[in-house]
Amino acid sequence: MNNKVKKLKEIIDATDNLVFFGGAGVSTESGIPDFRSTDGLYNMKYKYPPETIVSHTFFVRKTEEFYEFYKDKMMALDAKPNKAHLKLAEWERAGKCKAVVTQNIDGLHQMAGSKNVLELHGSIHRNYCTKCGKFFDAQYVKNSPGVPKCDACGGLIKPDVVLYEEGLDNDVISKTVHYISRADVLIIGGTSLAVYPAAGLIDYFRGSHLVLINKSSTPRDSQADLVINDSIGEVLGQL
């Protein structure tokens, strides 16, 4: 255990009020590609750029092609929680971690056992008929041929994920602000802090220790009390 990880352990041992804010890097260790790294989705070759495909306009206009990409690249239903997910769930059970705020849509925090998970960008596990509102799970969507339709009214099913051009859920934002603004320790992991408005939410932190764990540097490194440039799973796995 190196000195930085020891320092992190001391910070965590001394608190019972930490909040975790995580991005795509938390899930890449479970085999889910992120969007922005060199082998991420933005750098793969598609007929349309991924950021165009996962936009509200594209979903409405080219629904079939949206679902082709979405099912293939964004619905990693076989993925399993990694060391980071499991450690956060353990901290919650111990009364240390008050909330997990995530930009991921894969549901792996819940699968690991975390209960208070604030999903800024929604979840692939919640899908609704745009006509009658009936709920459908991820398996139904993944296994539907082509565009998934409601088995009750035939309406189009939309995933409860925040697409480009759509706003974040106000309730989730207000809960996130609540927990971050009251936290003693804020650990930010697996995110380049490049996506707004999500990245701006950390400005509400007023606590004693801001910790950044990410493979590459972020625009907020200078504000942090502790910066660890390593994979989040490897770091949390040592604690």
C-alpha atoms as a PDB file:
ATOM      1  CA  MET A   1       0.000   0.000   0.000  1.00  0.00           C
ATOM      2  CA  ASN A   2       1.680   3.245  -1.084  1.00  0.00           C
ATOM      3  CA  ASN A   3       1.613   6.496   0.883  1.00  0.00           C
ATOM      4  CA  LYS A   4      -1.274   8.006  -1.045  1.00  0.00           C
ATOM      5  CA  VAL A   5      -3.472   4.959  -0.464  1.00  0.00           C
ATOM      6  CA  LYS A   6      -2.466   4.979   3.226  1.00  0.00           C
ATOM      7  CA  LYS A   7      -3.501   8.630   3.413  1.00  0.00           C
ATOM      8  CA  LEU A   8      -6.836   7.732   1.791  1.00  0.00           C
ATOM      9  CA  LYS A   9      -7.346   4.939   4.320  1.00  0.00           C
ATOM     10  CA  GLU A  10      -6.740   7.400   7.183  1.00  0.00           C
ATOM     11  CA  ILE A  11      -9.291   9.841   5.723  1.00  0.00           C
ATOM     12  CA  ILE A  12     -11.925   7.111   5.331  1.00  0.00           C
ATOM     13  CA  ASP A  13     -11.269   5.540   8.738  1.00  0.00           C
ATOM     14  CA  ALA A  14     -11.862   8.936  10.368  1.00  0.00           C
ATOM     15  CA  THR A  15     -15.249   9.687   8.770  1.00  0.00           C
ATOM     16  CA  ASP A  16     -18.806   8.401   8.886  1.00  0.00           C
ATOM     17  CA  ASN A  17     -20.051  10.873   6.279  1.00  0.00           C
ATOM     18  CA  LEU A  18     -18.567  10.324   2.849  1.00  0.00           C
ATOM     19  CA  VAL A  19     -20.164  10.681  -0.570  1.00  0.00           C
ATOM     20  CA  PHE A  20     -18.818   9.038  -3.708  1.00  0.00           C
ATOM     21  CA  PHE A  21     -19.161  10.676  -7.134  1.00  0.00           C
ATOM     22  CA  GLY A  22     -18.286   8.317  -9.985  1.00  0.00           C
ATOM     23  CA  GLY A  23     -18.016   8.285 -13.757  1.00  0.00           C
ATOM     24  CA  ALA A  24     -17.374   5.835 -16.580  1.00  0.00           C
ATOM     25  CA  GLY A  25     -14.012   4.731 -15.173  1.00  0.00           C
ATOM     26  CA  VAL A  26     -15.832   2.926 -12.367  1.00  0.00           C
ATOM     27  CA  SER A  27     -17.509   0.665 -14.941  1.00  0.00           C
ATOM     28  CA  THR A  28     -14.685   0.160 -17.447  1.00  0.00           C
ATOM     29  CA  GLU A  29     -13.098  -2.285 -14.998  1.00  0.00           C
ATOM     30  CA  SER A  30     -16.268  -4.352 -15.329  1.00  0.00           C
ATOM     31  CA  GLY A  31     -15.739  -4.452 -19.101  1.00  0.00           C
ATOM     32  CA  ILE A  32     -18.116  -1.627 -20.059  1.00  0.00           C
ATOM     33  CA  PRO A  33     -16.558   0.770 -22.611  1.00  0.00           C
ATOM     34  CA  ASP A  34     -16.554   4.442 -21.699  1.00  0.00           C
ATOM     35  CA  PHE A  35     -17.260   7.240 -24.124  1.00  0.00           C
ATOM     36  CA  ARG A  36     -14.143   9.383 -24.160  1.00  0.00           C
ATOM     37  CA  SER A  37     -10.988   7.304 -23.754  1.00  0.00           C
ATOM     38  CA  THR A  38      -8.890   6.168 -26.723  1.00  0.00           C
ATOM     39  CA  ASP A  39     -10.792   2.887 -27.015  1.00  0.00           C
ATOM     40  CA  GLY A  40     -14.086   4.433 -25.850  1.00  0.00           C
ATOM     41  CA  LEU A  41     -17.284   4.659 -27.853  1.00  0.00           C
ATOM     42  CA  TYR A  42     -16.537   8.126 -29.236  1.00  0.00           C
ATOM     43  CA  ASN A  43     -13.466   6.763 -31.009  1.00  0.00           C
ATOM     44  CA  MET A  44     -15.137   3.780 -32.620  1.00  0.00           C
ATOM     45  CA  LYS A  45     -16.287   3.953 -36.212  1.00  0.00           C
ATOM     46  CA  TYR A  46     -20.023   4.067 -36.759  1.00  0.00           C
ATOM     47  CA  LYS A  47     -22.187   5.411 -39.550  1.00  0.00           C
ATOM     48  CA  TYR A  48     -23.000   8.278 -37.171  1.00  0.00           C
ATOM     49  CA  PRO A  49     -20.912   9.588 -34.271  1.00  0.00           C
ATOM     50  CA  PRO A  50     -22.040   8.014 -30.949  1.00  0.00           C
ATOM     51  CA  GLU A  51     -22.872  11.431 -29.465  1.00  0.00           C
ATOM     52  CA  THR A  52     -25.327  11.919 -32.354  1.00  0.00           C
ATOM     53  CA  ILE A  53     -26.844   8.457 -31.905  1.00  0.00           C
ATOM     54  CA  VAL A  54     -27.499   8.942 -28.182  1.00  0.00           C
ATOM     55  CA  SER A  55     -29.327  12.238 -28.701  1.00  0.00           C
ATOM     56  CA  HIS A  56     -33.044  12.842 -28.278  1.00  0.00           C
ATOM     57  CA  THR A  57     -33.389  13.963 -31.916  1.00  0.00           C
ATOM     58  CA  PHE A  58     -31.771  10.776 -33.218  1.00  0.00           C
ATOM     59  CA  PHE A  59     -33.949   8.615 -30.951  1.00  0.00           C
ATOM     60  CA  VAL A  60     -37.064  10.244 -32.407  1.00  0.00           C
ATOM     61  CA  ARG A  61     -35.959  10.334 -36.057  1.00  0.00           C
ATOM     62  CA  LYS A  62     -33.953   7.128 -36.422  1.00  0.00           C
ATOM     63  CA  THR A  63     -35.301   4.943 -33.630  1.00  0.00           C
ATOM     64  CA  GLU A  64     -34.251   1.667 -35.229  1.00  0.00           C
ATOM     65  CA  GLU A  65     -30.628   2.746 -35.627  1.00  0.00           C
ATOM     66  CA  PHE A  66     -30.656   4.197 -32.109  1.00  0.00           C
ATOM     67  CA  TYR A  67     -31.707   0.842 -30.666  1.00  0.00           C
ATOM     68  CA  GLU A  68     -29.203  -1.065 -32.793  1.00  0.00           C
ATOM     69  CA  PHE A  69     -26.357   0.927 -31.194  1.00  0.00           C
ATOM     70  CA  TYR A  70     -27.967   1.115 -27.740  1.00  0.00           C
ATOM     71  CA  LYS A  71     -28.538  -2.637 -27.404  1.00  0.00           C
ATOM     72  CA  ASP A  72     -25.133  -3.476 -28.841  1.00  0.00           C
ATOM     73  CA  LYS A  73     -22.958  -0.968 -26.986  1.00  0.00           C
ATOM     74  CA  MET A  74     -24.818   0.372 -23.948  1.00  0.00           C
ATOM     75  CA  MET A  75     -26.696  -2.609 -22.558  1.00  0.00           C
ATOM     76  CA  ALA A  76     -23.930  -4.640 -20.927  1.00  0.00           C
ATOM     77  CA  LEU A  77     -26.272  -6.980 -19.093  1.00  0.00           C
ATOM     78  CA  ASP A  78     -23.577  -9.575 -18.366  1.00  0.00           C
ATOM     79  CA  ALA A  79     -21.284  -7.101 -16.579  1.00  0.00           C
ATOM     80  CA  LYS A  80     -20.545  -7.741 -12.915  1.00  0.00           C
ATOM     81  CA  PRO A  81     -19.631  -5.291 -10.126  1.00  0.00           C
ATOM     82  CA  ASN A  82     -15.903  -4.803  -9.540  1.00  0.00           C
ATOM     83  CA  LYS A  83     -13.838  -4.012  -6.419  1.00  0.00           C
ATOM     84  CA  ALA A  84     -14.896  -0.357  -6.438  1.00  0.00           C
ATOM     85  CA  HIS A  85     -18.632  -1.144  -6.491  1.00  0.00           C
ATOM     86  CA  LEU A  86     -18.240  -3.760  -3.765  1.00  0.00           C
ATOM     87  CA  LYS A  87     -16.172  -1.518  -1.480  1.00  0.00           C
ATOM     88  CA  LEU A  88     -18.701   1.325  -1.725  1.00  0.00           C
ATOM     89  CA  ALA A  89     -21.539  -1.037  -0.829  1.00  0.00           C
ATOM     90  CA  GLU A  90     -19.485  -2.276   2.148  1.00  0.00           C
ATOM     91  CA  TRP A  91     -18.952   1.324   3.317  1.00  0.00           C
ATOM     92  CA  GLU A  92     -22.672   2.003   3.064  1.00  0.00           C
ATOM     93  CA  ARG A  93     -23.465  -1.039   5.218  1.00  0.00           C
ATOM     94  CA  ALA A  94     -20.887   0.197   7.738  1.00  0.00           C
ATOM     95  CA  GLY A  95     -22.630   3.597   7.899  1.00  0.00           C
ATOM     96  CA  LYS A  96     -19.737   5.464   6.281  1.00  0.00           C
ATOM     97  CA  CYS A  97     -20.984   6.111   2.732  1.00  0.00           C
ATOM     98  CA  LYS A  98     -24.173   8.177   2.713  1.00  0.00           C
ATOM     99  CA  ALA A  99     -24.725   8.241  -1.046  1.00  0.00           C
ATOM    100  CA  VAL A 100     -23.245   7.123  -4.349  1.00  0.00           C
ATOM    101  CA  VAL A 101     -23.715   9.631  -7.147  1.00  0.00           C
ATOM    102  CA  THR A 102     -23.066   8.071 -10.559  1.00  0.00           C
ATOM    103  CA  GLN A 103     -22.969   9.169 -14.165  1.00  0.00           C
ATOM    104  CA  ASN A 104     -23.252   5.515 -15.218  1.00  0.00           C
ATOM    105  CA  ILE A 105     -26.448   3.842 -16.369  1.00  0.00           C
ATOM    106  CA  ASP A 106     -25.507   0.192 -15.827  1.00  0.00           C
ATOM    107  CA  GLY A 107     -26.969  -0.474 -12.369  1.00  0.00           C
ATOM    108  CA  LEU A 108     -23.760  -2.116 -11.100  1.00  0.00           C
ATOM    109  CA  HIS A 109     -23.747  -0.152  -7.823  1.00  0.00           C
ATOM    110  CA  GLN A 110     -27.158  -1.598  -6.943  1.00  0.00           C
ATOM    111  CA  MET A 111     -26.030  -5.060  -8.031  1.00  0.00           C
ATOM    112  CA  ALA A 112     -23.089  -4.743  -5.613  1.00  0.00           C
ATOM    113  CA  GLY A 113     -25.498  -3.914  -2.780  1.00  0.00           C
ATOM    114  CA  SER A 114     -25.527  -0.107  -2.599  1.00  0.00           C
ATOM    115  CA  LYS A 115     -28.992   1.190  -1.711  1.00  0.00           C
ATOM    116  CA  ASN A 116     -28.727   4.988  -1.911  1.00  0.00           C
ATOM    117  CA  VAL A 117     -27.598   5.434  -5.525  1.00  0.00           C
ATOM    118  CA  LEU A 118     -28.321   8.700  -7.328  1.00  0.00           C
ATOM    119  CA  GLU A 119     -28.227   8.060 -11.071  1.00  0.00           C
ATOM    120  CA  LEU A 120     -27.614  11.385 -12.808  1.00  0.00           C
ATOM    121  CA  HIS A 121     -28.050   9.904 -16.278  1.00  0.00           C
ATOM    122  CA  GLY A 122     -30.756   7.330 -15.569  1.00  0.00           C
ATOM    123  CA  SER A 123     -30.588   3.547 -15.937  1.00  0.00           C
ATOM    124  CA  ILE A 124     -30.812   0.906 -18.651  1.00  0.00           C
ATOM    125  CA  HIS A 125     -32.840  -1.154 -16.164  1.00  0.00           C
ATOM    126  CA  ARG A 126     -35.848   1.191 -16.328  1.00  0.00           C
ATOM    127  CA  ASN A 127     -37.789   1.475 -19.580  1.00  0.00           C
ATOM    128  CA  TYR A 128     -41.233   2.912 -20.185  1.00  0.00           C
ATOM    129  CA  CYS A 129     -43.883   2.863 -22.875  1.00  0.00           C
ATOM    130  CA  THR A 130     -44.137   6.404 -24.237  1.00  0.00           C
ATOM    131  CA  LYS A 131     -47.869   5.879 -24.766  1.00  0.00           C
ATOM    132  CA  CYS A 132     -49.274   4.178 -21.651  1.00  0.00           C
ATOM    133  CA  GLY A 133     -46.325   4.386 -19.239  1.00  0.00           C
ATOM    134  CA  LYS A 134     -45.987   0.645 -18.620  1.00  0.00           C
ATOM    135  CA  PHE A 135     -42.627  -0.367 -17.134  1.00  0.00           C
ATOM    136  CA  PHE A 136     -40.236  -2.811 -18.837  1.00  0.00           C
ATOM    137  CA  ASP A 137     -36.940  -4.247 -17.613  1.00  0.00           C
ATOM    138  CA  ALA A 138     -33.667  -4.327 -19.541  1.00  0.00           C
ATOM    139  CA  GLN A 139     -34.073  -7.949 -20.660  1.00  0.00           C
ATOM    140  CA  TYR A 140     -37.355  -7.148 -22.401  1.00  0.00           C
ATOM    141  CA  VAL A 141     -35.725  -4.324 -24.345  1.00  0.00           C
ATOM    142  CA  LYS A 142     -32.553  -6.257 -25.181  1.00  0.00           C
ATOM    143  CA  ASN A 143     -34.495  -9.308 -26.380  1.00  0.00           C
ATOM    144  CA  SER A 144     -37.061  -7.388 -28.442  1.00  0.00           C
ATOM    145  CA  PRO A 145     -36.410  -7.642 -32.165  1.00  0.00           C
ATOM    146  CA  GLY A 146     -35.681  -4.200 -33.626  1.00  0.00           C
ATOM    147  CA  VAL A 147     -37.504  -1.383 -31.869  1.00  0.00           C
ATOM    148  CA  PRO A 148     -39.060  -2.558 -28.575  1.00  0.00           C
ATOM    149  CA  LYS A 149     -42.811  -2.035 -28.403  1.00  0.00           C
ATOM    150  CA  CYS A 150     -45.212  -2.175 -25.474  1.00  0.00           C
ATOM    151  CA  ASP A 151     -46.944  -5.558 -25.114  1.00  0.00           C
ATOM    152  CA  ALA A 152     -50.048  -3.817 -23.758  1.00  0.00           C
ATOM    153  CA  CYS A 153     -50.697  -0.963 -26.200  1.00  0.00           C
ATOM    154  CA  GLY A 154     -48.040  -1.278 -28.914  1.00  0.00           C
ATOM    155  CA  GLY A 155     -46.457   2.051 -27.995  1.00  0.00           C
ATOM    156  CA  LEU A 156     -42.765   2.832 -28.393  1.00  0.00           C
ATOM    157  CA  ILE A 157     -40.594   1.981 -25.372  1.00  0.00           C
ATOM    158  CA  LYS A 158     -37.975   4.519 -24.293  1.00  0.00           C
ATOM    159  CA  PRO A 159     -35.109   3.803 -21.895  1.00  0.00           C
ATOM    160  CA  ASP A 160     -35.059   5.947 -18.751  1.00  0.00           C
ATOM    161  CA  VAL A 161     -31.626   7.302 -19.655  1.00  0.00           C
ATOM    162  CA  VAL A 162     -30.779  10.961 -20.157  1.00  0.00           C
ATOM    163  CA  LEU A 163     -29.973  11.457 -23.843  1.00  0.00           C
ATOM    164  CA  TYR A 164     -28.145  14.458 -25.258  1.00  0.00           C
ATOM    165  CA  GLU A 165     -30.538  17.442 -25.517  1.00  0.00           C
ATOM    166  CA  GLU A 166     -32.480  16.153 -22.494  1.00  0.00           C
ATOM    167  CA  GLY A 167     -32.269  17.697 -19.016  1.00  0.00           C
ATOM    168  CA  LEU A 168     -31.191  15.904 -15.868  1.00  0.00           C
ATOM    169  CA  ASP A 169     -33.888  14.877 -13.384  1.00  0.00           C
ATOM    170  CA  ASN A 170     -34.458  17.747 -10.926  1.00  0.00           C
ATOM    171  CA  ASP A 171     -35.194  15.406  -8.032  1.00  0.00           C
ATOM    172  CA  VAL A 172     -31.910  13.531  -8.538  1.00  0.00           C
ATOM    173  CA  ILE A 173     -30.004  16.830  -8.790  1.00  0.00           C
ATOM    174  CA  SER A 174     -31.499  18.220  -5.582  1.00  0.00           C
ATOM    175  CA  LYS A 175     -30.711  15.007  -3.677  1.00  0.00           C
ATOM    176  CA  THR A 176     -27.154  15.066  -5.042  1.00  0.00           C
ATOM    177  CA  VAL A 177     -26.680  18.678  -3.916  1.00  0.00           C
ATOM    178  CA  HIS A 178     -28.119  17.730  -0.504  1.00  0.00           C
ATOM    179  CA  TYR A 179     -25.609  14.910   0.076  1.00  0.00           C
ATOM    180  CA  ILE A 180     -22.546  16.610  -1.434  1.00  0.00           C
ATOM    181  CA  SER A 181     -23.111  19.865   0.444  1.00  0.00           C
ATOM    182  CA  ARG A 182     -23.363  17.997   3.770  1.00  0.00           C
ATOM    183  CA  ALA A 183     -20.550  15.494   3.224  1.00  0.00           C
ATOM    184  CA  ASP A 184     -17.385  15.532   5.288  1.00  0.00           C
ATOM    185  CA  VAL A 185     -15.434  13.613   2.601  1.00  0.00           C
ATOM    186  CA  LEU A 186     -16.118  13.624  -1.154  1.00  0.00           C
ATOM    187  CA  ILE A 187     -14.379  10.953  -3.225  1.00  0.00           C
ATOM    188  CA  ILE A 188     -14.524  11.474  -6.974  1.00  0.00           C
ATOM    189  CA  GLY A 189     -13.529   8.448  -9.032  1.00  0.00           C
ATOM    190  CA  GLY A 190     -13.294   7.323 -12.628  1.00  0.00           C
ATOM    191  CA  THR A 191     -14.341  10.592 -14.222  1.00  0.00           C
ATOM    192  CA  SER A 192     -12.482  13.250 -16.175  1.00  0.00           C
ATOM    193  CA  LEU A 193     -14.993  15.816 -14.808  1.00  0.00           C
ATOM    194  CA  ALA A 194     -15.592  17.000 -18.363  1.00  0.00           C
ATOM    195  CA  VAL A 195     -19.352  16.436 -18.601  1.00  0.00           C
ATOM    196  CA  TYR A 196     -21.590  19.271 -17.422  1.00  0.00           C
ATOM    197  CA  PRO A 197     -23.871  19.902 -15.631  1.00  0.00           C
ATOM    198  CA  ALA A 198     -22.841  16.765 -13.698  1.00  0.00           C
ATOM    199  CA  ALA A 199     -19.243  17.902 -13.068  1.00  0.00           C
ATOM    200  CA  GLY A 200     -20.443  21.237 -11.675  1.00  0.00           C
ATOM    201  CA  LEU A 201     -22.266  19.495  -8.815  1.00  0.00           C
ATOM    202  CA  ILE A 202     -19.015  19.011  -6.909  1.00  0.00           C
ATOM    203  CA  ASP A 203     -18.878  22.792  -6.390  1.00  0.00           C
ATOM    204  CA  TYR A 204     -21.418  22.298  -3.592  1.00  0.00           C
ATOM    205  CA  PHE A 205     -18.850  20.417  -1.488  1.00  0.00           C
ATOM    206  CA  ARG A 206     -17.891  22.270   1.695  1.00  0.00           C
ATOM    207  CA  GLY A 207     -16.390  19.411   3.700  1.00  0.00           C
ATOM    208  CA  SER A 208     -12.878  18.683   4.903  1.00  0.00           C
ATOM    209  CA  HIS A 209     -11.396  16.277   2.309  1.00  0.00           C
ATOM    210  CA  LEU A 210     -11.799  16.237  -1.477  1.00  0.00           C
ATOM    211  CA  VAL A 211     -10.222  13.106  -2.992  1.00  0.00           C
ATOM    212  CA  LEU A 212      -9.757  12.513  -6.738  1.00  0.00           C
ATOM    213  CA  ILE A 213      -9.006   9.018  -8.055  1.00  0.00           C
ATOM    214  CA  ASN A 214      -8.673   8.823 -11.833  1.00  0.00           C
ATOM    215  CA  LYS A 215      -6.166   7.332 -14.272  1.00  0.00           C
ATOM    216  CA  SER A 216      -5.572  10.713 -15.923  1.00  0.00           C
ATOM    217  CA  SER A 217      -5.494  14.237 -14.506  1.00  0.00           C
ATOM    218  CA  THR A 218      -8.693  16.304 -14.236  1.00  0.00           C
ATOM    219  CA  PRO A 219      -9.409  20.059 -14.300  1.00  0.00           C
ATOM    220  CA  ARG A 220     -10.070  19.865 -10.527  1.00  0.00           C
ATOM    221  CA  ASP A 221      -6.824  18.247  -9.380  1.00  0.00           C
ATOM    222  CA  SER A 222      -5.507  21.516  -7.921  1.00  0.00           C
ATOM    223  CA  GLN A 223      -8.581  21.774  -5.640  1.00  0.00           C
ATOM    224  CA  ALA A 224      -8.174  18.286  -4.191  1.00  0.00           C
ATOM    225  CA  ASP A 225      -6.552  17.338  -0.878  1.00  0.00           C
ATOM    226  CA  LEU A 226      -5.490  14.025  -2.362  1.00  0.00           C
ATOM    227  CA  VAL A 227      -5.052  12.983  -6.021  1.00  0.00           C
ATOM    228  CA  ILE A 228      -4.395   9.354  -6.955  1.00  0.00           C
ATOM    229  CA  ASN A 229      -3.772   8.612 -10.645  1.00  0.00           C
ATOM    230  CA  ASP A 230      -4.709   4.971 -10.752  1.00  0.00           C
ATOM    231  CA  SER A 231      -7.698   2.769 -11.490  1.00  0.00           C
ATOM    232  CA  ILE A 232     -10.499   3.213  -8.964  1.00  0.00           C
ATOM    233  CA  GLY A 233     -11.003  -0.550  -8.469  1.00  0.00           C
ATOM    234  CA  GLU A 234      -7.336  -1.143  -7.733  1.00  0.00           C
ATOM    235  CA  VAL A 235      -7.230   1.702  -5.203  1.00  0.00           C
ATOM    236  CA  LEU A 236     -10.447   0.893  -3.342  1.00  0.00           C
ATOM    237  CA  GLY A 237      -9.603  -2.815  -3.482  1.00  0.00           C
ATOM    238  CA  GLN A 238      -6.559  -2.173  -1.292  1.00  0.00           C
ATOM    239  CA  LEU A 239      -8.585  -0.572   1.516  1.00  0.00           C
END
